[in-house]
């Protein structure tokens, strides 16, 4: 998930936020998105929101909080709010050690299980997909694993993110050089085409992924995701407090088919969050399995 440290161009300096204003805005964000902002990050509100307040012609955070609650454009403003409180630092083929373990063990196991069952289908949910690098990476891993056989399979990668802007970027599938900082050259050459402004994902990869704007704090929306064999939620739950973590992990558990796997970031753990999954250890990765 890049950093959106925005400095004001409309104002000469950041607008200060009081402790009371911080708590009100933080609680509003938590209620709407489930994202919890620690008080130690109070200065980020001043840095990130000052420009937006200037664009709206507001002089302080109290006015902005009233705007979010009562203005006729409050629903539209939520889109801007979500942009300001989320980060989108990602790249294609990020954390190759974990991805290699996933491909060689988890994905291989699921493919073999589906073959034996005579069900050539695989549903994967990429939650917090940012601008699409993760789900496209997963699609590439499937193409590398199944090769020509993939034509016989029904593959569905559902990729969701809180930010509508990130979903628009992901759908376009065009990336600059920075997005390839962890991508082997042979993968870039094989699955991307150079276009003005960057490199575009090839149709064979793109057709495997369906993007959708979604709030992970919206239980109704979560239930619309097809039952999954694998859920990827990397570097997302670190933005949630314990209650929200348990809520989201519970939703993933309910979504997963029996024997399905949940993959979280290499520095994340379900320890103290959920005992419902069985951790399966592989070199470079822990996969959390939903028992039969």
C-alpha atoms as a PDB file:
ATOM      1  CA  UNK A   1       0.000   0.000   0.000  1.00  0.00           C
ATOM      2  CA  UNK A   2       2.565   4.991  -1.522  1.00  0.00           C
ATOM      3  CA  UNK A   3       2.621   7.510   0.753  1.00  0.00           C
ATOM      4  CA  UNK A   4       0.193  10.363   0.336  1.00  0.00           C
ATOM      5  CA  UNK A   5       2.090  12.960   2.340  1.00  0.00           C
ATOM      6  CA  UNK A   6       0.526  15.956   0.634  1.00  0.00           C
ATOM      7  CA  UNK A   7       1.881  19.415   1.261  1.00  0.00           C
ATOM      8  CA  UNK A   8      -0.456  22.336   0.806  1.00  0.00           C
ATOM      9  CA  UNK A   9      -0.180  24.347  -2.376  1.00  0.00           C
ATOM     10  CA  UNK A  10      -3.286  26.372  -1.595  1.00  0.00           C
ATOM     11  CA  UNK A  11      -1.988  27.401   1.814  1.00  0.00           C
ATOM     12  CA  UNK A  12       1.454  28.545   2.901  1.00  0.00           C
ATOM     13  CA  UNK A  13       1.506  26.270   5.918  1.00  0.00           C
ATOM     14  CA  UNK A  14      -0.422  23.346   7.354  1.00  0.00           C
ATOM     15  CA  UNK A  15      -3.613  24.051   9.248  1.00  0.00           C
ATOM     16  CA  UNK A  16      -3.257  23.063  12.885  1.00  0.00           C
ATOM     17  CA  UNK A  17      -5.602  20.488  14.373  1.00  0.00           C
ATOM     18  CA  UNK A  18      -6.582  20.513  18.049  1.00  0.00           C
ATOM     19  CA  UNK A  19      -6.711  17.362  20.156  1.00  0.00           C
ATOM     20  CA  UNK A  20     -10.507  17.498  20.202  1.00  0.00           C
ATOM     21  CA  UNK A  21     -10.693  17.928  16.424  1.00  0.00           C
ATOM     22  CA  UNK A  22      -8.264  15.055  15.938  1.00  0.00           C
ATOM     23  CA  UNK A  23     -10.384  12.711  18.052  1.00  0.00           C
ATOM     24  CA  UNK A  24     -13.579  13.662  16.199  1.00  0.00           C
ATOM     25  CA  UNK A  25     -12.001  13.225  12.771  1.00  0.00           C
ATOM     26  CA  UNK A  26     -10.234  10.011  13.787  1.00  0.00           C
ATOM     27  CA  UNK A  27     -13.482   8.541  15.140  1.00  0.00           C
ATOM     28  CA  UNK A  28     -15.345   9.545  11.970  1.00  0.00           C
ATOM     29  CA  UNK A  29     -12.720   7.820   9.816  1.00  0.00           C
ATOM     30  CA  UNK A  30     -12.874   4.711  11.995  1.00  0.00           C
ATOM     31  CA  UNK A  31     -16.666   4.576  11.794  1.00  0.00           C
ATOM     32  CA  UNK A  32     -16.648   4.871   8.009  1.00  0.00           C
ATOM     33  CA  UNK A  33     -13.646   2.712   7.095  1.00  0.00           C
ATOM     34  CA  UNK A  34     -12.438   0.762  10.113  1.00  0.00           C
ATOM     35  CA  UNK A  35      -9.034   2.434   9.784  1.00  0.00           C
ATOM     36  CA  UNK A  36      -7.666   3.539  13.145  1.00  0.00           C
ATOM     37  CA  UNK A  37      -5.220   6.451  13.244  1.00  0.00           C
ATOM     38  CA  UNK A  38      -3.000   6.568  16.312  1.00  0.00           C
ATOM     39  CA  UNK A  39      -2.597   9.906  18.089  1.00  0.00           C
ATOM     40  CA  UNK A  40       1.124   9.753  17.292  1.00  0.00           C
ATOM     41  CA  UNK A  41       0.174  10.321  13.652  1.00  0.00           C
ATOM     42  CA  UNK A  42      -1.756  13.512  14.391  1.00  0.00           C
ATOM     43  CA  UNK A  43       0.750  15.569  12.403  1.00  0.00           C
ATOM     44  CA  UNK A  44      -0.157  13.540   9.291  1.00  0.00           C
ATOM     45  CA  UNK A  45      -3.653  14.961   9.423  1.00  0.00           C
ATOM     46  CA  UNK A  46      -2.227  18.463   9.309  1.00  0.00           C
ATOM     47  CA  UNK A  47       0.118  17.606   6.425  1.00  0.00           C
ATOM     48  CA  UNK A  48      -2.362  15.651   4.351  1.00  0.00           C
ATOM     49  CA  UNK A  49      -5.616  17.518   4.913  1.00  0.00           C
ATOM     50  CA  UNK A  50      -4.493  21.152   4.728  1.00  0.00           C
ATOM     51  CA  UNK A  51      -4.545  21.267   0.941  1.00  0.00           C
ATOM     52  CA  UNK A  52      -7.983  19.666   0.820  1.00  0.00           C
ATOM     53  CA  UNK A  53      -9.371  22.188   3.319  1.00  0.00           C
ATOM     54  CA  UNK A  54      -7.999  24.968   1.133  1.00  0.00           C
ATOM     55  CA  UNK A  55      -9.656  23.500  -1.954  1.00  0.00           C
ATOM     56  CA  UNK A  56     -12.987  23.487  -0.110  1.00  0.00           C
ATOM     57  CA  UNK A  57     -12.504  27.020   1.158  1.00  0.00           C
ATOM     58  CA  UNK A  58     -12.463  25.883   4.796  1.00  0.00           C
ATOM     59  CA  UNK A  59     -10.297  27.538   7.430  1.00  0.00           C
ATOM     60  CA  UNK A  60     -10.128  24.807  10.055  1.00  0.00           C
ATOM     61  CA  UNK A  61     -10.742  21.167  10.902  1.00  0.00           C
ATOM     62  CA  UNK A  62     -13.955  21.892  12.832  1.00  0.00           C
ATOM     63  CA  UNK A  63     -15.475  23.210   9.597  1.00  0.00           C
ATOM     64  CA  UNK A  64     -14.243  20.122   7.743  1.00  0.00           C
ATOM     65  CA  UNK A  65     -15.807  17.780  10.300  1.00  0.00           C
ATOM     66  CA  UNK A  66     -19.126  19.633   9.920  1.00  0.00           C
ATOM     67  CA  UNK A  67     -18.741  19.348   6.120  1.00  0.00           C
ATOM     68  CA  UNK A  68     -18.252  15.579   6.359  1.00  0.00           C
ATOM     69  CA  UNK A  69     -21.354  15.209   8.512  1.00  0.00           C
ATOM     70  CA  UNK A  70     -23.818  17.677   7.060  1.00  0.00           C
ATOM     71  CA  UNK A  71     -22.892  19.077   3.647  1.00  0.00           C
ATOM     72  CA  UNK A  72     -24.952  18.018   0.638  1.00  0.00           C
ATOM     73  CA  UNK A  73     -21.695  16.767  -0.923  1.00  0.00           C
ATOM     74  CA  UNK A  74     -20.638  14.762   2.146  1.00  0.00           C
ATOM     75  CA  UNK A  75     -20.928  11.383   0.382  1.00  0.00           C
ATOM     76  CA  UNK A  76     -18.764  12.584  -2.483  1.00  0.00           C
ATOM     77  CA  UNK A  77     -16.235  13.949   0.000  1.00  0.00           C
ATOM     78  CA  UNK A  78     -15.791  10.477   1.491  1.00  0.00           C
ATOM     79  CA  UNK A  79     -13.883   9.513  -1.656  1.00  0.00           C
ATOM     80  CA  UNK A  80     -11.360  12.281  -0.995  1.00  0.00           C
ATOM     81  CA  UNK A  81     -11.212  11.354   2.683  1.00  0.00           C
ATOM     82  CA  UNK A  82     -10.350   7.752   1.867  1.00  0.00           C
ATOM     83  CA  UNK A  83      -7.617   8.906  -0.509  1.00  0.00           C
ATOM     84  CA  UNK A  84      -6.048  10.972   2.263  1.00  0.00           C
ATOM     85  CA  UNK A  85      -6.053   8.319   4.983  1.00  0.00           C
ATOM     86  CA  UNK A  86      -4.806   5.361   2.935  1.00  0.00           C
ATOM     87  CA  UNK A  87      -1.349   4.671   1.599  1.00  0.00           C
ATOM     88  CA  UNK A  88      -0.564   2.882  -1.643  1.00  0.00           C
ATOM     89  CA  UNK A  89       3.061   1.803  -1.476  1.00  0.00           C
ATOM     90  CA  UNK A  90       3.244  -1.323  -3.569  1.00  0.00           C
ATOM     91  CA  UNK A  91       4.964  -2.912  -6.546  1.00  0.00           C
ATOM     92  CA  UNK A  92       4.600  -5.857  -8.875  1.00  0.00           C
ATOM     93  CA  UNK A  93       6.050  -9.130  -7.579  1.00  0.00           C
ATOM     94  CA  UNK A  94       6.478  -7.577  -4.139  1.00  0.00           C
ATOM     95  CA  UNK A  95       8.147  -9.853  -1.579  1.00  0.00           C
ATOM     96  CA  UNK A  96       9.272 -12.538  -4.002  1.00  0.00           C
ATOM     97  CA  UNK A  97      10.291 -14.902  -1.190  1.00  0.00           C
ATOM     98  CA  UNK A  98       6.717 -15.063   0.053  1.00  0.00           C
ATOM     99  CA  UNK A  99       5.311 -15.252  -3.478  1.00  0.00           C
ATOM    100  CA  UNK A 100       7.655 -18.103  -4.388  1.00  0.00           C
ATOM    101  CA  UNK A 101       6.568 -20.038  -1.299  1.00  0.00           C
ATOM    102  CA  UNK A 102       2.945 -19.343  -2.210  1.00  0.00           C
ATOM    103  CA  UNK A 103       3.432 -20.532  -5.810  1.00  0.00           C
ATOM    104  CA  UNK A 104       5.447 -23.636  -4.936  1.00  0.00           C
ATOM    105  CA  UNK A 105       3.285 -24.806  -2.046  1.00  0.00           C
ATOM    106  CA  UNK A 106      -0.116 -23.184  -1.520  1.00  0.00           C
ATOM    107  CA  UNK A 107      -1.019 -22.569  -5.152  1.00  0.00           C
ATOM    108  CA  UNK A 108       0.404 -25.908  -6.274  1.00  0.00           C
ATOM    109  CA  UNK A 109      -1.633 -27.703  -3.601  1.00  0.00           C
ATOM    110  CA  UNK A 110      -4.855 -25.952  -4.581  1.00  0.00           C
ATOM    111  CA  UNK A 111      -4.342 -26.626  -8.287  1.00  0.00           C
ATOM    112  CA  UNK A 112      -3.727 -30.328  -7.635  1.00  0.00           C
ATOM    113  CA  UNK A 113      -6.783 -30.541  -5.346  1.00  0.00           C
ATOM    114  CA  UNK A 114      -9.006 -28.978  -7.986  1.00  0.00           C
ATOM    115  CA  UNK A 115      -7.658 -31.263 -10.706  1.00  0.00           C
ATOM    116  CA  UNK A 116      -8.356 -34.364  -8.595  1.00  0.00           C
ATOM    117  CA  UNK A 117     -11.854 -33.102  -7.834  1.00  0.00           C
ATOM    118  CA  UNK A 118     -12.469 -32.493 -11.535  1.00  0.00           C
ATOM    119  CA  UNK A 119     -13.218 -28.819 -10.840  1.00  0.00           C
ATOM    120  CA  UNK A 120     -10.933 -26.674 -12.933  1.00  0.00           C
ATOM    121  CA  UNK A 121     -11.803 -23.433 -11.203  1.00  0.00           C
ATOM    122  CA  UNK A 122     -10.046 -21.177  -8.730  1.00  0.00           C
ATOM    123  CA  UNK A 123     -11.348 -18.118  -6.895  1.00  0.00           C
ATOM    124  CA  UNK A 124      -8.891 -15.721  -5.302  1.00  0.00           C
ATOM    125  CA  UNK A 125      -9.744 -12.569  -3.338  1.00  0.00           C
ATOM    126  CA  UNK A 126      -7.173  -9.768  -3.240  1.00  0.00           C
ATOM    127  CA  UNK A 127      -8.296  -7.405  -0.456  1.00  0.00           C
ATOM    128  CA  UNK A 128      -6.672  -3.978  -0.305  1.00  0.00           C
ATOM    129  CA  UNK A 129      -5.385  -4.324  -3.864  1.00  0.00           C
ATOM    130  CA  UNK A 130      -4.266  -0.670  -4.202  1.00  0.00           C
ATOM    131  CA  UNK A 131      -3.484   0.124  -7.863  1.00  0.00           C
ATOM    132  CA  UNK A 132      -3.584  -3.514  -8.961  1.00  0.00           C
ATOM    133  CA  UNK A 133      -0.023  -4.723  -8.606  1.00  0.00           C
ATOM    134  CA  UNK A 134      -0.873  -7.619  -6.284  1.00  0.00           C
ATOM    135  CA  UNK A 135      -3.800  -9.160  -8.201  1.00  0.00           C
ATOM    136  CA  UNK A 136      -1.929  -8.842 -11.496  1.00  0.00           C
ATOM    137  CA  UNK A 137       1.050 -10.557  -9.861  1.00  0.00           C
ATOM    138  CA  UNK A 138      -1.240 -13.387  -8.740  1.00  0.00           C
ATOM    139  CA  UNK A 139      -2.637 -13.682 -12.265  1.00  0.00           C
ATOM    140  CA  UNK A 140       0.911 -13.932 -13.616  1.00  0.00           C
ATOM    141  CA  UNK A 141       1.738 -16.672 -11.095  1.00  0.00           C
ATOM    142  CA  UNK A 142      -1.301 -18.609 -12.296  1.00  0.00           C
ATOM    143  CA  UNK A 143      -0.259 -18.210 -15.930  1.00  0.00           C
ATOM    144  CA  UNK A 144       3.247 -19.387 -15.052  1.00  0.00           C
ATOM    145  CA  UNK A 145       1.877 -22.379 -13.130  1.00  0.00           C
ATOM    146  CA  UNK A 146      -0.839 -23.533 -15.527  1.00  0.00           C
ATOM    147  CA  UNK A 147       0.656 -22.344 -18.827  1.00  0.00           C
ATOM    148  CA  UNK A 148      -1.442 -23.546 -21.794  1.00  0.00           C
ATOM    149  CA  UNK A 149      -3.710 -25.517 -19.457  1.00  0.00           C
ATOM    150  CA  UNK A 150      -5.135 -22.246 -18.111  1.00  0.00           C
ATOM    151  CA  UNK A 151      -7.490 -22.134 -21.110  1.00  0.00           C
ATOM    152  CA  UNK A 152      -9.399 -25.022 -19.534  1.00  0.00           C
ATOM    153  CA  UNK A 153      -9.711 -23.303 -16.162  1.00  0.00           C
ATOM    154  CA  UNK A 154     -12.201 -20.788 -14.835  1.00  0.00           C
ATOM    155  CA  UNK A 155     -10.070 -18.292 -12.931  1.00  0.00           C
ATOM    156  CA  UNK A 156     -11.623 -15.434 -10.973  1.00  0.00           C
ATOM    157  CA  UNK A 157      -9.452 -12.969  -9.062  1.00  0.00           C
ATOM    158  CA  UNK A 158     -11.634 -10.453  -7.222  1.00  0.00           C
ATOM    159  CA  UNK A 159      -9.575  -7.379  -6.349  1.00  0.00           C
ATOM    160  CA  UNK A 160     -11.024  -4.727  -4.040  1.00  0.00           C
ATOM    161  CA  UNK A 161      -9.812  -1.486  -2.503  1.00  0.00           C
ATOM    162  CA  UNK A 162     -11.270   1.337  -0.443  1.00  0.00           C
ATOM    163  CA  UNK A 163     -10.024   3.959  -2.905  1.00  0.00           C
ATOM    164  CA  UNK A 164     -12.054   4.485  -6.078  1.00  0.00           C
ATOM    165  CA  UNK A 165      -9.057   6.251  -7.617  1.00  0.00           C
ATOM    166  CA  UNK A 166      -6.840   3.222  -7.014  1.00  0.00           C
ATOM    167  CA  UNK A 167      -9.450   0.983  -8.653  1.00  0.00           C
ATOM    168  CA  UNK A 168      -9.496   3.253 -11.723  1.00  0.00           C
ATOM    169  CA  UNK A 169      -5.699   3.066 -11.975  1.00  0.00           C
ATOM    170  CA  UNK A 170      -5.741  -0.696 -11.514  1.00  0.00           C
ATOM    171  CA  UNK A 171      -8.326  -1.158 -14.250  1.00  0.00           C
ATOM    172  CA  UNK A 172      -6.136   0.795 -16.685  1.00  0.00           C
ATOM    173  CA  UNK A 173      -3.206  -1.475 -15.849  1.00  0.00           C
ATOM    174  CA  UNK A 174      -0.447   0.964 -16.848  1.00  0.00           C
ATOM    175  CA  UNK A 175       2.632   1.245 -14.617  1.00  0.00           C
ATOM    176  CA  UNK A 176       5.776   3.332 -14.471  1.00  0.00           C
ATOM    177  CA  UNK A 177       9.267   2.009 -13.861  1.00  0.00           C
ATOM    178  CA  UNK A 178       8.934   2.305 -10.066  1.00  0.00           C
ATOM    179  CA  UNK A 179       6.261  -0.396 -10.008  1.00  0.00           C
ATOM    180  CA  UNK A 180       8.785  -2.872 -11.464  1.00  0.00           C
ATOM    181  CA  UNK A 181      11.477  -2.365  -8.830  1.00  0.00           C
ATOM    182  CA  UNK A 182      10.975  -5.933  -7.555  1.00  0.00           C
ATOM    183  CA  UNK A 183       9.969  -7.530 -10.865  1.00  0.00           C
ATOM    184  CA  UNK A 184      12.273  -9.867 -12.807  1.00  0.00           C
ATOM    185  CA  UNK A 185      12.972  -8.528 -16.304  1.00  0.00           C
ATOM    186  CA  UNK A 186      11.685 -11.676 -17.970  1.00  0.00           C
ATOM    187  CA  UNK A 187       8.292 -11.262 -16.273  1.00  0.00           C
ATOM    188  CA  UNK A 188       8.081  -7.612 -17.304  1.00  0.00           C
ATOM    189  CA  UNK A 189       8.964  -8.418 -20.915  1.00  0.00           C
ATOM    190  CA  UNK A 190       6.576 -11.368 -21.090  1.00  0.00           C
ATOM    191  CA  UNK A 191       3.463  -9.869 -19.549  1.00  0.00           C
ATOM    192  CA  UNK A 192       3.666  -6.123 -20.247  1.00  0.00           C
ATOM    193  CA  UNK A 193       3.713  -3.985 -23.374  1.00  0.00           C
ATOM    194  CA  UNK A 194       5.466  -0.629 -23.496  1.00  0.00           C
ATOM    195  CA  UNK A 195       3.041   2.242 -24.107  1.00  0.00           C
ATOM    196  CA  UNK A 196       3.246   6.033 -23.781  1.00  0.00           C
ATOM    197  CA  UNK A 197       3.560   6.747 -20.074  1.00  0.00           C
ATOM    198  CA  UNK A 198       4.707   3.318 -18.968  1.00  0.00           C
ATOM    199  CA  UNK A 199       4.045  -0.384 -19.395  1.00  0.00           C
ATOM    200  CA  UNK A 200       0.562  -1.885 -19.835  1.00  0.00           C
ATOM    201  CA  UNK A 201      -0.486  -5.289 -18.573  1.00  0.00           C
ATOM    202  CA  UNK A 202      -1.318  -7.720 -21.378  1.00  0.00           C
ATOM    203  CA  UNK A 203      -4.946  -8.816 -21.957  1.00  0.00           C
ATOM    204  CA  UNK A 204      -4.182 -12.443 -21.034  1.00  0.00           C
ATOM    205  CA  UNK A 205      -3.369 -11.272 -17.507  1.00  0.00           C
ATOM    206  CA  UNK A 206      -5.969  -8.519 -17.256  1.00  0.00           C
ATOM    207  CA  UNK A 207      -8.919 -10.739 -18.119  1.00  0.00           C
ATOM    208  CA  UNK A 208      -8.305 -12.884 -15.024  1.00  0.00           C
ATOM    209  CA  UNK A 209      -8.908  -9.961 -12.630  1.00  0.00           C
ATOM    210  CA  UNK A 210     -12.104  -8.108 -11.736  1.00  0.00           C
ATOM    211  CA  UNK A 211     -11.715  -4.870  -9.799  1.00  0.00           C
ATOM    212  CA  UNK A 212     -14.258  -3.372  -7.420  1.00  0.00           C
ATOM    213  CA  UNK A 213     -14.292  -0.477  -4.963  1.00  0.00           C
ATOM    214  CA  UNK A 214     -15.121  -1.874  -1.521  1.00  0.00           C
ATOM    215  CA  UNK A 215     -15.024  -0.840   2.112  1.00  0.00           C
ATOM    216  CA  UNK A 216     -13.816  -3.700   4.315  1.00  0.00           C
ATOM    217  CA  UNK A 217     -15.901  -2.222   7.123  1.00  0.00           C
ATOM    218  CA  UNK A 218     -19.074  -2.832   5.102  1.00  0.00           C
ATOM    219  CA  UNK A 219     -20.256  -6.333   6.036  1.00  0.00           C
ATOM    220  CA  UNK A 220     -22.849  -6.382   3.278  1.00  0.00           C
ATOM    221  CA  UNK A 221     -20.281  -5.667   0.577  1.00  0.00           C
ATOM    222  CA  UNK A 222     -17.938  -8.367   1.854  1.00  0.00           C
ATOM    223  CA  UNK A 223     -20.655 -10.952   1.381  1.00  0.00           C
ATOM    224  CA  UNK A 224     -20.836 -10.183  -2.358  1.00  0.00           C
ATOM    225  CA  UNK A 225     -17.354 -11.607  -2.963  1.00  0.00           C
ATOM    226  CA  UNK A 226     -17.500 -15.155  -4.417  1.00  0.00           C
ATOM    227  CA  UNK A 227     -16.445 -17.930  -2.033  1.00  0.00           C
ATOM    228  CA  UNK A 228     -12.679 -18.154  -2.311  1.00  0.00           C
ATOM    229  CA  UNK A 229     -10.038 -20.851  -2.371  1.00  0.00           C
ATOM    230  CA  UNK A 230      -7.410 -18.262  -1.403  1.00  0.00           C
ATOM    231  CA  UNK A 231      -7.594 -14.809   0.179  1.00  0.00           C
ATOM    232  CA  UNK A 232      -4.688 -12.365  -0.070  1.00  0.00           C
ATOM    233  CA  UNK A 233      -4.716  -9.540   2.469  1.00  0.00           C
ATOM    234  CA  UNK A 234      -1.151  -8.293   2.703  1.00  0.00           C
ATOM    235  CA  UNK A 235      -0.162  -5.135   4.597  1.00  0.00           C
ATOM    236  CA  UNK A 236      -3.777  -4.152   5.217  1.00  0.00           C
ATOM    237  CA  UNK A 237      -4.748  -5.211   8.744  1.00  0.00           C
ATOM    238  CA  UNK A 238      -1.861  -3.177  10.167  1.00  0.00           C
ATOM    239  CA  UNK A 239      -4.127  -0.135   9.690  1.00  0.00           C
ATOM    240  CA  UNK A 240      -6.905  -1.595  11.870  1.00  0.00           C
ATOM    241  CA  UNK A 241      -7.382  -1.778  15.617  1.00  0.00           C
ATOM    242  CA  UNK A 242      -7.955  -5.173  17.271  1.00  0.00           C
ATOM    243  CA  UNK A 243     -11.742  -5.080  16.946  1.00  0.00           C
ATOM    244  CA  UNK A 244     -11.610  -4.290  13.238  1.00  0.00           C
ATOM    245  CA  UNK A 245      -8.878  -6.887  12.657  1.00  0.00           C
ATOM    246  CA  UNK A 246     -11.076  -9.580  14.201  1.00  0.00           C
ATOM    247  CA  UNK A 247     -14.073  -8.437  12.166  1.00  0.00           C
ATOM    248  CA  UNK A 248     -12.189  -8.527   8.855  1.00  0.00           C
ATOM    249  CA  UNK A 249     -10.371 -11.800   9.549  1.00  0.00           C
ATOM    250  CA  UNK A 250     -13.719 -13.316  10.523  1.00  0.00           C
ATOM    251  CA  UNK A 251     -15.149 -12.200   7.187  1.00  0.00           C
ATOM    252  CA  UNK A 252     -12.247 -13.829   5.341  1.00  0.00           C
ATOM    253  CA  UNK A 253     -12.807 -17.040   7.282  1.00  0.00           C
ATOM    254  CA  UNK A 254     -16.488 -17.055   6.339  1.00  0.00           C
ATOM    255  CA  UNK A 255     -15.639 -16.352   2.702  1.00  0.00           C
ATOM    256  CA  UNK A 256     -13.049 -19.112   2.376  1.00  0.00           C
ATOM    257  CA  UNK A 257     -14.068 -22.545   1.193  1.00  0.00           C
ATOM    258  CA  UNK A 258     -13.068 -25.457   3.464  1.00  0.00           C
ATOM    259  CA  UNK A 259      -9.338 -26.051   3.111  1.00  0.00           C
ATOM    260  CA  UNK A 260      -8.820 -22.542   1.743  1.00  0.00           C
ATOM    261  CA  UNK A 261      -5.865 -20.338   2.625  1.00  0.00           C
ATOM    262  CA  UNK A 262      -5.447 -16.808   3.927  1.00  0.00           C
ATOM    263  CA  UNK A 263      -2.171 -15.048   3.091  1.00  0.00           C
ATOM    264  CA  UNK A 264      -1.183 -11.943   5.080  1.00  0.00           C
ATOM    265  CA  UNK A 265       1.927  -9.767   4.869  1.00  0.00           C
ATOM    266  CA  UNK A 266       5.250 -11.354   5.807  1.00  0.00           C
ATOM    267  CA  UNK A 267       5.480  -9.106   8.889  1.00  0.00           C
ATOM    268  CA  UNK A 268       1.846  -9.689   9.901  1.00  0.00           C
ATOM    269  CA  UNK A 269       0.408 -12.484  12.030  1.00  0.00           C
ATOM    270  CA  UNK A 270      -2.974 -13.782  13.136  1.00  0.00           C
ATOM    271  CA  UNK A 271      -1.578 -14.439  16.603  1.00  0.00           C
ATOM    272  CA  UNK A 272      -3.981 -12.916  19.159  1.00  0.00           C
ATOM    273  CA  UNK A 273      -6.468 -12.117  16.367  1.00  0.00           C
ATOM    274  CA  UNK A 274      -7.923 -15.496  15.401  1.00  0.00           C
ATOM    275  CA  UNK A 275      -7.500 -19.112  16.442  1.00  0.00           C
ATOM    276  CA  UNK A 276      -9.762 -20.351  13.659  1.00  0.00           C
ATOM    277  CA  UNK A 277      -6.952 -20.918  11.154  1.00  0.00           C
ATOM    278  CA  UNK A 278      -4.191 -23.481  11.204  1.00  0.00           C
ATOM    279  CA  UNK A 279      -0.805 -21.877  10.441  1.00  0.00           C
ATOM    280  CA  UNK A 280       1.140 -23.799   7.812  1.00  0.00           C
ATOM    281  CA  UNK A 281       4.816 -22.907   7.661  1.00  0.00           C
ATOM    282  CA  UNK A 282       6.784 -22.703   4.430  1.00  0.00           C
ATOM    283  CA  UNK A 283      10.238 -21.239   3.768  1.00  0.00           C
ATOM    284  CA  UNK A 284       9.578 -17.505   3.469  1.00  0.00           C
ATOM    285  CA  UNK A 285       5.872 -17.573   4.316  1.00  0.00           C
ATOM    286  CA  UNK A 286       3.144 -18.608   6.702  1.00  0.00           C
ATOM    287  CA  UNK A 287      -0.142 -19.666   5.136  1.00  0.00           C
ATOM    288  CA  UNK A 288      -3.278 -19.797   7.296  1.00  0.00           C
ATOM    289  CA  UNK A 289      -5.509 -22.731   6.399  1.00  0.00           C
ATOM    290  CA  UNK A 290      -9.222 -22.996   7.092  1.00  0.00           C
ATOM    291  CA  UNK A 291      -9.672 -26.546   8.291  1.00  0.00           C
ATOM    292  CA  UNK A 292     -12.233 -28.813   6.625  1.00  0.00           C
END
